[in-house]
Amino acid sequence: MSSDSGDYENLIVDFKDTVATITINRPDVLNALNAETIRELGEAVDFLAADDRCHVLIITGAGEQAFVAGADISVLATYDPVDAREAARFGQATFDKIEECGKPVIAAINGYALGGGFELALACHIRFAAEGAQVGLPEIDLGVIPGHGGTQRLTRLLGKSAAIKLICSGAHVNATDAVSLGLVNAVYPADSLMEAVYGFAIKLASKPRIAMRYALEAVNQGLNVTLKEGQAIEADLFGLCFATEDQTEGMNAFLEKRKANWKGR
C-alpha cells in the first residue's frame, strides 16, 4: 500500500492497487469534523476524482471507536447565525463533491457515525458498517438541526416519515437495525470490515470506468427530477456509452465468450 498524504494534517490517503482510502485521522477526538478537516477532505476528493490511478474511493475513520463521531462542538458553540450558515454551506459543498465525484465512494463505518459523521456517510454511495457501529443525527439534542445535508439525504433515502422520526428523536441506530432500515448496505465483524470493504471495492474497480461514472450520474441527477426527465437523462447517458471503446470491447467480449479488457475510454 502506498501513501499519498501530501500536506494533510487530519487525513491519511493511501493507495492499494486502484483503490484509494481516505482515513479521517483525529482519533483523540473520535475523528470529529472541524473546518480544517472538511477543507482537507474536499481537497483530497478533488485530487482523487482527477487521479486516473483511483477507480474506487473508501472513506473511514482512524482508531476502533469512531468513523466520525460528529462535528467539533467546542467550535460550533462559538458560532453566530452567519457563521453557522456559512459552515453549513461549506460542509454541504464538500459532501456534494463526494457524491458527485464520478467514482464509487464506500463508507467503511468502523464505529460511531453521528451528526456530521453520518451526514458524511450518507454522501457516500455505499455504506458498510462494523457490528458495533452506531449511526444517527442527534443534533436536535443540541438545539439545532443537521446542517451538512442530513435532512435532505436521509429523507431521500428513507422517505419523509421515517426520516423525520430519526431526525426529531435524535436516536442512535445500531448496525443491525441500520441494515434493516436501509441506512447501511451490510454489516461485518469489526476485525474484518476493511477486508470486506476492500474486496467489494476491488470488484467495482474492475468494472468499466466510464459506464460506472454514467451510472452514478444517472442516479444522482434522476433523484432531483421527474421520472420522465430522469429517463431522458438515462437515455442520453446510455447513448454516450456507445461512443466509448469500452462499449465495443464489452459487447465483443460477450459475443466472443471471453473476459473484457477495459480501457477506460
C-alpha atoms as a PDB file:
ATOM      1  CA  MET A   1       0.000   0.000   0.000  1.00  0.00           C
ATOM      2  CA  SER A   2       1.361   3.401  -0.955  1.00  0.00           C
ATOM      3  CA  SER A   3       0.704   6.664   0.872  1.00  0.00           C
ATOM      4  CA  ASP A   4      -0.189   9.943  -0.804  1.00  0.00           C
ATOM      5  CA  SER A   5      -0.991  12.048   2.245  1.00  0.00           C
ATOM      6  CA  GLY A   6       0.553  15.271   0.954  1.00  0.00           C
ATOM      7  CA  ASP A   7       0.345  18.076   3.468  1.00  0.00           C
ATOM      8  CA  TYR A   8      -2.808  16.869   5.224  1.00  0.00           C
ATOM      9  CA  GLU A   9      -2.885  17.340   8.980  1.00  0.00           C
ATOM     10  CA  ASN A  10      -6.104  15.454   9.675  1.00  0.00           C
ATOM     11  CA  LEU A  11      -6.267  12.863   6.893  1.00  0.00           C
ATOM     12  CA  ILE A  12      -4.314   9.868   5.695  1.00  0.00           C
ATOM     13  CA  VAL A  13      -4.622   8.996   1.999  1.00  0.00           C
ATOM     14  CA  ASP A  14      -3.466   5.546   0.909  1.00  0.00           C
ATOM     15  CA  PHE A  15      -3.497   3.652  -2.377  1.00  0.00           C
ATOM     16  CA  LYS A  16      -3.746  -0.107  -2.785  1.00  0.00           C
ATOM     17  CA  ASP A  17      -3.980  -1.160  -6.416  1.00  0.00           C
ATOM     18  CA  THR A  18      -6.702   1.075  -7.911  1.00  0.00           C
ATOM     19  CA  VAL A  19      -8.488   1.717  -4.609  1.00  0.00           C
ATOM     20  CA  ALA A  20      -7.791   4.842  -2.561  1.00  0.00           C
ATOM     21  CA  THR A  21      -8.631   5.149   1.123  1.00  0.00           C
ATOM     22  CA  ILE A  22      -9.144   8.419   2.964  1.00  0.00           C
ATOM     23  CA  THR A  23      -8.884   7.997   6.735  1.00  0.00           C
ATOM     24  CA  ILE A  24     -10.135  10.808   8.966  1.00  0.00           C
ATOM     25  CA  ASN A  25      -7.230  10.882  11.394  1.00  0.00           C
ATOM     26  CA  ARG A  26      -8.301  12.629  14.616  1.00  0.00           C
ATOM     27  CA  PRO A  27      -8.800   9.625  16.910  1.00  0.00           C
ATOM     28  CA  ASP A  28      -8.152  11.657  20.071  1.00  0.00           C
ATOM     29  CA  VAL A  29     -11.470  13.469  19.429  1.00  0.00           C
ATOM     30  CA  LEU A  30     -13.240  10.493  17.828  1.00  0.00           C
ATOM     31  CA  ASN A  31     -12.435  11.939  14.388  1.00  0.00           C
ATOM     32  CA  ALA A  32     -14.740  14.914  14.951  1.00  0.00           C
ATOM     33  CA  LEU A  33     -15.039  17.232  11.973  1.00  0.00           C
ATOM     34  CA  ASN A  34     -13.768  20.787  12.119  1.00  0.00           C
ATOM     35  CA  ALA A  35     -13.378  23.301   9.313  1.00  0.00           C
ATOM     36  CA  GLU A  36      -9.800  22.290   8.556  1.00  0.00           C
ATOM     37  CA  THR A  37     -10.687  18.601   8.305  1.00  0.00           C
ATOM     38  CA  ILE A  38     -13.600  19.363   5.982  1.00  0.00           C
ATOM     39  CA  ARG A  39     -11.354  21.579   3.840  1.00  0.00           C
ATOM     40  CA  GLU A  40      -8.741  18.834   3.576  1.00  0.00           C
ATOM     41  CA  LEU A  41     -11.434  16.277   2.769  1.00  0.00           C
ATOM     42  CA  GLY A  42     -12.670  18.409  -0.117  1.00  0.00           C
ATOM     43  CA  GLU A  43      -9.126  18.801  -1.442  1.00  0.00           C
ATOM     44  CA  ALA A  44      -8.454  15.055  -1.188  1.00  0.00           C
ATOM     45  CA  VAL A  45     -11.678  14.182  -3.012  1.00  0.00           C
ATOM     46  CA  ASP A  46     -10.892  16.693  -5.768  1.00  0.00           C
ATOM     47  CA  PHE A  47      -7.429  15.171  -6.144  1.00  0.00           C
ATOM     48  CA  LEU A  48      -8.662  11.571  -6.259  1.00  0.00           C
ATOM     49  CA  ALA A  49     -11.546  12.376  -8.603  1.00  0.00           C
ATOM     50  CA  ALA A  50      -8.982  13.636 -11.130  1.00  0.00           C
ATOM     51  CA  ASP A  51      -6.412  10.871 -10.489  1.00  0.00           C
ATOM     52  CA  ASP A  52      -6.632   8.019 -13.015  1.00  0.00           C
ATOM     53  CA  ARG A  53      -4.959   5.679 -10.526  1.00  0.00           C
ATOM     54  CA  CYS A  54      -8.082   5.826  -8.365  1.00  0.00           C
ATOM     55  CA  HIS A  55     -11.073   3.830  -9.584  1.00  0.00           C
ATOM     56  CA  VAL A  56     -12.857   3.494  -6.227  1.00  0.00           C
ATOM     57  CA  LEU A  57     -12.628   5.513  -3.017  1.00  0.00           C
ATOM     58  CA  ILE A  58     -13.091   4.322   0.576  1.00  0.00           C
ATOM     59  CA  ILE A  59     -13.656   6.740   3.468  1.00  0.00           C
ATOM     60  CA  THR A  60     -13.172   5.579   7.057  1.00  0.00           C
ATOM     61  CA  GLY A  61     -12.060   6.808  10.478  1.00  0.00           C
ATOM     62  CA  ALA A  62      -8.871   6.209  12.465  1.00  0.00           C
ATOM     63  CA  GLY A  63      -8.993   4.007  15.535  1.00  0.00           C
ATOM     64  CA  GLU A  64     -11.569   1.474  16.673  1.00  0.00           C
ATOM     65  CA  GLN A  65     -14.212   3.713  18.250  1.00  0.00           C
ATOM     66  CA  ALA A  66     -15.419   6.104  15.591  1.00  0.00           C
ATOM     67  CA  PHE A  67     -15.910   6.643  11.889  1.00  0.00           C
ATOM     68  CA  VAL A  68     -16.668  10.287  12.642  1.00  0.00           C
ATOM     69  CA  ALA A  69     -18.462  10.962  15.915  1.00  0.00           C
ATOM     70  CA  GLY A  70     -19.807  14.326  14.733  1.00  0.00           C
ATOM     71  CA  ALA A  71     -18.743  17.921  14.487  1.00  0.00           C
ATOM     72  CA  ASP A  72     -16.380  19.650  16.900  1.00  0.00           C
ATOM     73  CA  ILE A  73     -18.953  21.061  19.340  1.00  0.00           C
ATOM     74  CA  SER A  74     -16.391  23.295  21.065  1.00  0.00           C
ATOM     75  CA  VAL A  75     -16.107  25.178  17.774  1.00  0.00           C
ATOM     76  CA  LEU A  76     -19.814  25.118  16.910  1.00  0.00           C
ATOM     77  CA  ALA A  77     -20.646  26.677  20.267  1.00  0.00           C
ATOM     78  CA  THR A  78     -18.830  29.870  19.240  1.00  0.00           C
ATOM     79  CA  TYR A  79     -20.828  30.450  16.028  1.00  0.00           C
ATOM     80  CA  ASP A  80     -23.316  33.221  15.409  1.00  0.00           C
ATOM     81  CA  PRO A  81     -26.121  32.714  12.830  1.00  0.00           C
ATOM     82  CA  VAL A  82     -23.993  33.892   9.909  1.00  0.00           C
ATOM     83  CA  ASP A  83     -21.054  31.696  10.924  1.00  0.00           C
ATOM     84  CA  ALA A  84     -23.377  28.698  11.241  1.00  0.00           C
ATOM     85  CA  ARG A  85     -24.975  29.215   7.839  1.00  0.00           C
ATOM     86  CA  GLU A  86     -21.596  29.570   6.126  1.00  0.00           C
ATOM     87  CA  ALA A  87     -20.216  26.495   7.903  1.00  0.00           C
ATOM     88  CA  ALA A  88     -23.264  24.514   6.787  1.00  0.00           C
ATOM     89  CA  ARG A  89     -22.847  25.636   3.172  1.00  0.00           C
ATOM     90  CA  PHE A  90     -19.147  24.763   3.252  1.00  0.00           C
ATOM     91  CA  GLY A  91     -19.828  21.286   4.625  1.00  0.00           C
ATOM     92  CA  GLN A  92     -22.649  20.710   2.154  1.00  0.00           C
ATOM     93  CA  ALA A  93     -20.425  21.693  -0.783  1.00  0.00           C
ATOM     94  CA  THR A  94     -17.696  19.325   0.394  1.00  0.00           C
ATOM     95  CA  PHE A  95     -20.065  16.390   0.833  1.00  0.00           C
ATOM     96  CA  ASP A  96     -21.579  17.152  -2.592  1.00  0.00           C
ATOM     97  CA  LYS A  97     -18.093  16.651  -4.034  1.00  0.00           C
ATOM     98  CA  ILE A  98     -18.081  13.126  -2.628  1.00  0.00           C
ATOM     99  CA  GLU A  99     -21.476  12.266  -4.059  1.00  0.00           C
ATOM    100  CA  GLU A 100     -20.659  13.810  -7.432  1.00  0.00           C
ATOM    101  CA  CYS A 101     -17.015  12.772  -7.846  1.00  0.00           C
ATOM    102  CA  GLY A 102     -17.848  10.289 -10.619  1.00  0.00           C
ATOM    103  CA  LYS A 103     -16.257   7.320  -8.849  1.00  0.00           C
ATOM    104  CA  PRO A 104     -17.888   4.909  -6.380  1.00  0.00           C
ATOM    105  CA  VAL A 105     -17.310   6.013  -2.790  1.00  0.00           C
ATOM    106  CA  ILE A 106     -17.725   3.483   0.027  1.00  0.00           C
ATOM    107  CA  ALA A 107     -18.082   4.499   3.669  1.00  0.00           C
ATOM    108  CA  ALA A 108     -16.408   1.972   5.981  1.00  0.00           C
ATOM    109  CA  ILE A 109     -18.253   2.813   9.204  1.00  0.00           C
ATOM    110  CA  ASN A 110     -15.935   1.404  11.849  1.00  0.00           C
ATOM    111  CA  GLY A 111     -17.653   2.923  14.896  1.00  0.00           C
ATOM    112  CA  TYR A 112     -19.782   5.935  15.766  1.00  0.00           C
ATOM    113  CA  ALA A 113     -21.113   7.823  12.737  1.00  0.00           C
ATOM    114  CA  LEU A 114     -23.185  10.558  14.324  1.00  0.00           C
ATOM    115  CA  GLY A 115     -24.237  14.026  13.248  1.00  0.00           C
ATOM    116  CA  GLY A 116     -21.799  15.294  10.661  1.00  0.00           C
ATOM    117  CA  GLY A 117     -20.211  11.843  10.592  1.00  0.00           C
ATOM    118  CA  PHE A 118     -23.438  10.216   9.485  1.00  0.00           C
ATOM    119  CA  GLU A 119     -24.008  13.040   7.012  1.00  0.00           C
ATOM    120  CA  LEU A 120     -20.572  12.208   5.584  1.00  0.00           C
ATOM    121  CA  ALA A 121     -21.548   8.540   5.317  1.00  0.00           C
ATOM    122  CA  LEU A 122     -24.839   9.470   3.645  1.00  0.00           C
ATOM    123  CA  ALA A 123     -22.906  11.358   0.968  1.00  0.00           C
ATOM    124  CA  CYS A 124     -21.089   8.131   0.087  1.00  0.00           C
ATOM    125  CA  HIS A 125     -22.708   5.845  -2.473  1.00  0.00           C
ATOM    126  CA  ILE A 126     -22.384   2.643  -0.436  1.00  0.00           C
ATOM    127  CA  ARG A 127     -22.135   2.132   3.331  1.00  0.00           C
ATOM    128  CA  PHE A 128     -20.667  -0.902   5.122  1.00  0.00           C
ATOM    129  CA  ALA A 129     -20.587  -0.962   8.932  1.00  0.00           C
ATOM    130  CA  ALA A 130     -18.847  -2.830  11.714  1.00  0.00           C
ATOM    131  CA  GLU A 131     -21.055  -4.806  14.090  1.00  0.00           C
ATOM    132  CA  GLY A 132     -20.626  -2.332  16.939  1.00  0.00           C
ATOM    133  CA  ALA A 133     -21.206   0.783  14.862  1.00  0.00           C
ATOM    134  CA  GLN A 134     -23.959   3.286  15.558  1.00  0.00           C
ATOM    135  CA  VAL A 135     -25.406   5.886  13.206  1.00  0.00           C
ATOM    136  CA  GLY A 136     -27.744   8.811  13.771  1.00  0.00           C
ATOM    137  CA  LEU A 137     -28.440  12.523  13.613  1.00  0.00           C
ATOM    138  CA  PRO A 138     -28.585  13.671  17.257  1.00  0.00           C
ATOM    139  CA  GLU A 139     -28.320  17.412  16.527  1.00  0.00           C
ATOM    140  CA  ILE A 140     -31.795  18.005  17.951  1.00  0.00           C
ATOM    141  CA  ASP A 141     -30.359  17.390  21.436  1.00  0.00           C
ATOM    142  CA  LEU A 142     -28.003  20.337  20.900  1.00  0.00           C
ATOM    143  CA  GLY A 143     -30.848  22.648  19.968  1.00  0.00           C
ATOM    144  CA  VAL A 144     -30.050  22.612  16.245  1.00  0.00           C
ATOM    145  CA  ILE A 145     -30.769  20.545  13.127  1.00  0.00           C
ATOM    146  CA  PRO A 146     -28.419  18.662  10.775  1.00  0.00           C
ATOM    147  CA  GLY A 147     -26.556  21.160   8.599  1.00  0.00           C
ATOM    148  CA  HIS A 148     -24.417  19.158   6.179  1.00  0.00           C
ATOM    149  CA  GLY A 149     -27.193  17.680   4.050  1.00  0.00           C
ATOM    150  CA  GLY A 150     -28.626  15.247   6.589  1.00  0.00           C
ATOM    151  CA  THR A 151     -32.239  16.409   6.414  1.00  0.00           C
ATOM    152  CA  GLN A 152     -32.161  16.101   2.628  1.00  0.00           C
ATOM    153  CA  ARG A 153     -30.200  12.904   2.005  1.00  0.00           C
ATOM    154  CA  LEU A 154     -31.868  10.948   4.813  1.00  0.00           C
ATOM    155  CA  THR A 155     -35.319  11.885   3.512  1.00  0.00           C
ATOM    156  CA  ARG A 156     -34.391  10.785   0.008  1.00  0.00           C
ATOM    157  CA  LEU A 157     -33.065   7.516   1.406  1.00  0.00           C
ATOM    158  CA  LEU A 158     -35.846   6.601   3.860  1.00  0.00           C
ATOM    159  CA  GLY A 159     -38.842   8.725   2.915  1.00  0.00           C
ATOM    160  CA  LYS A 160     -40.390  11.625   4.823  1.00  0.00           C
ATOM    161  CA  SER A 161     -41.943   9.945   7.853  1.00  0.00           C
ATOM    162  CA  ALA A 162     -39.017   7.664   8.720  1.00  0.00           C
ATOM    163  CA  ALA A 163     -36.517  10.498   8.260  1.00  0.00           C
ATOM    164  CA  ILE A 164     -38.490  12.842  10.498  1.00  0.00           C
ATOM    165  CA  LYS A 165     -38.667  10.151  13.172  1.00  0.00           C
ATOM    166  CA  LEU A 166     -34.882   9.772  13.255  1.00  0.00           C
ATOM    167  CA  ILE A 167     -34.090  13.474  12.935  1.00  0.00           C
ATOM    168  CA  CYS A 168     -36.582  14.684  15.521  1.00  0.00           C
ATOM    169  CA  SER A 169     -35.835  11.941  18.051  1.00  0.00           C
ATOM    170  CA  GLY A 170     -32.068  12.168  17.654  1.00  0.00           C
ATOM    171  CA  ALA A 171     -31.981   8.400  18.047  1.00  0.00           C
ATOM    172  CA  HIS A 172     -28.847   6.319  17.623  1.00  0.00           C
ATOM    173  CA  VAL A 173     -29.362   3.284  15.393  1.00  0.00           C
ATOM    174  CA  ASN A 174     -27.240   0.170  15.843  1.00  0.00           C
ATOM    175  CA  ALA A 175     -25.676  -1.549  12.858  1.00  0.00           C
ATOM    176  CA  THR A 176     -28.184  -4.410  12.668  1.00  0.00           C
ATOM    177  CA  ASP A 177     -31.167  -2.055  12.681  1.00  0.00           C
ATOM    178  CA  ALA A 178     -29.377   0.242  10.232  1.00  0.00           C
ATOM    179  CA  VAL A 179     -29.256  -2.589   7.696  1.00  0.00           C
ATOM    180  CA  SER A 180     -32.953  -3.328   8.223  1.00  0.00           C
ATOM    181  CA  LEU A 181     -33.813   0.327   7.630  1.00  0.00           C
ATOM    182  CA  GLY A 182     -31.607   0.576   4.562  1.00  0.00           C
ATOM    183  CA  LEU A 183     -29.207   3.054   6.162  1.00  0.00           C
ATOM    184  CA  VAL A 184     -26.240   0.772   5.531  1.00  0.00           C
ATOM    185  CA  ASN A 185     -25.784  -1.962   2.946  1.00  0.00           C
ATOM    186  CA  ALA A 186     -24.111  -4.648   5.050  1.00  0.00           C
ATOM    187  CA  VAL A 187     -22.570  -5.324   8.469  1.00  0.00           C
ATOM    188  CA  TYR A 188     -19.333  -7.192   9.190  1.00  0.00           C
ATOM    189  CA  PRO A 189     -17.340  -8.118  12.307  1.00  0.00           C
ATOM    190  CA  ALA A 190     -15.150  -5.179  13.243  1.00  0.00           C
ATOM    191  CA  ASP A 191     -11.926  -7.074  12.608  1.00  0.00           C
ATOM    192  CA  SER A 192     -12.937  -7.972   9.047  1.00  0.00           C
ATOM    193  CA  LEU A 193     -14.718  -4.766   7.993  1.00  0.00           C
ATOM    194  CA  MET A 194     -11.874  -3.263   5.986  1.00  0.00           C
ATOM    195  CA  GLU A 195     -11.104  -6.571   4.285  1.00  0.00           C
ATOM    196  CA  ALA A 196     -14.748  -6.856   3.210  1.00  0.00           C
ATOM    197  CA  VAL A 197     -14.884  -3.234   2.052  1.00  0.00           C
ATOM    198  CA  TYR A 198     -11.662  -3.579   0.074  1.00  0.00           C
ATOM    199  CA  GLY A 199     -12.848  -6.825  -1.503  1.00  0.00           C
ATOM    200  CA  PHE A 200     -16.013  -5.145  -2.720  1.00  0.00           C
ATOM    201  CA  ALA A 201     -14.075  -2.064  -3.838  1.00  0.00           C
ATOM    202  CA  ILE A 202     -11.784  -4.218  -5.997  1.00  0.00           C
ATOM    203  CA  LYS A 203     -14.831  -5.759  -7.686  1.00  0.00           C
ATOM    204  CA  LEU A 204     -16.135  -2.284  -8.525  1.00  0.00           C
ATOM    205  CA  ALA A 205     -12.680  -1.168  -9.633  1.00  0.00           C
ATOM    206  CA  SER A 206     -12.639  -3.967 -12.225  1.00  0.00           C
ATOM    207  CA  LYS A 207     -15.702  -2.535 -13.996  1.00  0.00           C
ATOM    208  CA  PRO A 208     -15.552  -0.089 -16.937  1.00  0.00           C
ATOM    209  CA  ARG A 209     -14.938   3.363 -15.511  1.00  0.00           C
ATOM    210  CA  ILE A 210     -16.902   5.478 -17.980  1.00  0.00           C
ATOM    211  CA  ALA A 211     -20.032   3.354 -17.651  1.00  0.00           C
ATOM    212  CA  MET A 212     -19.604   3.485 -13.870  1.00  0.00           C
ATOM    213  CA  ARG A 213     -19.432   7.279 -13.964  1.00  0.00           C
ATOM    214  CA  TYR A 214     -22.501   7.497 -16.174  1.00  0.00           C
ATOM    215  CA  ALA A 215     -24.427   5.137 -13.878  1.00  0.00           C
ATOM    216  CA  LEU A 216     -23.660   7.310 -10.847  1.00  0.00           C
ATOM    217  CA  GLU A 217     -24.580  10.443 -12.797  1.00  0.00           C
ATOM    218  CA  ALA A 218     -27.897   8.982 -13.931  1.00  0.00           C
ATOM    219  CA  VAL A 219     -28.875   8.001 -10.387  1.00  0.00           C
ATOM    220  CA  ASN A 220     -27.746  11.265  -8.795  1.00  0.00           C
ATOM    221  CA  GLN A 221     -29.398  13.512 -11.371  1.00  0.00           C
ATOM    222  CA  GLY A 222     -32.535  11.402 -11.578  1.00  0.00           C
ATOM    223  CA  LEU A 223     -33.297  11.876  -7.892  1.00  0.00           C
ATOM    224  CA  ASN A 224     -33.874  15.585  -8.431  1.00  0.00           C
ATOM    225  CA  VAL A 225     -36.228  15.481 -11.416  1.00  0.00           C
ATOM    226  CA  THR A 226     -39.446  13.823 -12.549  1.00  0.00           C
ATOM    227  CA  LEU A 227     -39.472  10.226 -13.772  1.00  0.00           C
ATOM    228  CA  LYS A 228     -39.753  11.326 -17.404  1.00  0.00           C
ATOM    229  CA  GLU A 229     -36.890  13.792 -17.004  1.00  0.00           C
ATOM    230  CA  GLY A 230     -34.815  11.126 -15.270  1.00  0.00           C
ATOM    231  CA  GLN A 231     -35.451   8.686 -18.093  1.00  0.00           C
ATOM    232  CA  ALA A 232     -34.331  11.331 -20.586  1.00  0.00           C
ATOM    233  CA  ILE A 233     -31.070  11.715 -18.644  1.00  0.00           C
ATOM    234  CA  GLU A 234     -30.678   7.937 -18.644  1.00  0.00           C
ATOM    235  CA  ALA A 235     -31.259   7.731 -22.415  1.00  0.00           C
ATOM    236  CA  ASP A 236     -28.682  10.446 -23.092  1.00  0.00           C
ATOM    237  CA  LEU A 237     -26.054   8.731 -20.950  1.00  0.00           C
ATOM    238  CA  PHE A 238     -26.923   5.326 -22.407  1.00  0.00           C
ATOM    239  CA  GLY A 239     -26.291   6.812 -25.838  1.00  0.00           C
ATOM    240  CA  LEU A 240     -22.960   8.286 -24.756  1.00  0.00           C
ATOM    241  CA  CYS A 241     -21.812   4.818 -23.681  1.00  0.00           C
ATOM    242  CA  PHE A 242     -21.908   3.848 -27.360  1.00  0.00           C
ATOM    243  CA  ALA A 243     -19.239   6.443 -28.115  1.00  0.00           C
ATOM    244  CA  THR A 244     -16.725   4.584 -25.919  1.00  0.00           C
ATOM    245  CA  GLU A 245     -14.181   1.884 -26.723  1.00  0.00           C
ATOM    246  CA  ASP A 246     -15.323   0.051 -23.587  1.00  0.00           C
ATOM    247  CA  GLN A 247     -18.815  -0.447 -25.032  1.00  0.00           C
ATOM    248  CA  THR A 248     -17.351  -2.005 -28.163  1.00  0.00           C
ATOM    249  CA  GLU A 249     -14.985  -4.165 -26.122  1.00  0.00           C
ATOM    250  CA  GLY A 250     -17.651  -5.236 -23.646  1.00  0.00           C
ATOM    251  CA  MET A 251     -20.119  -6.360 -26.277  1.00  0.00           C
ATOM    252  CA  ASN A 252     -17.455  -8.035 -28.422  1.00  0.00           C
ATOM    253  CA  ALA A 253     -16.172  -9.888 -25.346  1.00  0.00           C
ATOM    254  CA  PHE A 254     -19.681 -11.071 -24.532  1.00  0.00           C
ATOM    255  CA  LEU A 255     -20.286 -12.322 -28.078  1.00  0.00           C
ATOM    256  CA  GLU A 256     -16.860 -13.959 -28.220  1.00  0.00           C
ATOM    257  CA  LYS A 257     -17.313 -15.533 -24.756  1.00  0.00           C
ATOM    258  CA  ARG A 258     -14.161 -14.008 -23.280  1.00  0.00           C
ATOM    259  CA  LYS A 259     -13.277 -11.601 -20.488  1.00  0.00           C
ATOM    260  CA  ALA A 260     -13.424  -7.940 -21.423  1.00  0.00           C
ATOM    261  CA  ASN A 261     -10.251  -5.863 -21.365  1.00  0.00           C
ATOM    262  CA  TRP A 262     -11.453  -2.432 -20.266  1.00  0.00           C
ATOM    263  CA  LYS A 263      -9.510   0.614 -21.456  1.00  0.00           C
ATOM    264  CA  GLY A 264     -11.303   3.387 -19.585  1.00  0.00           C
ATOM    265  CA  ARG A 265     -12.064   5.204 -22.805  1.00  0.00           C
END
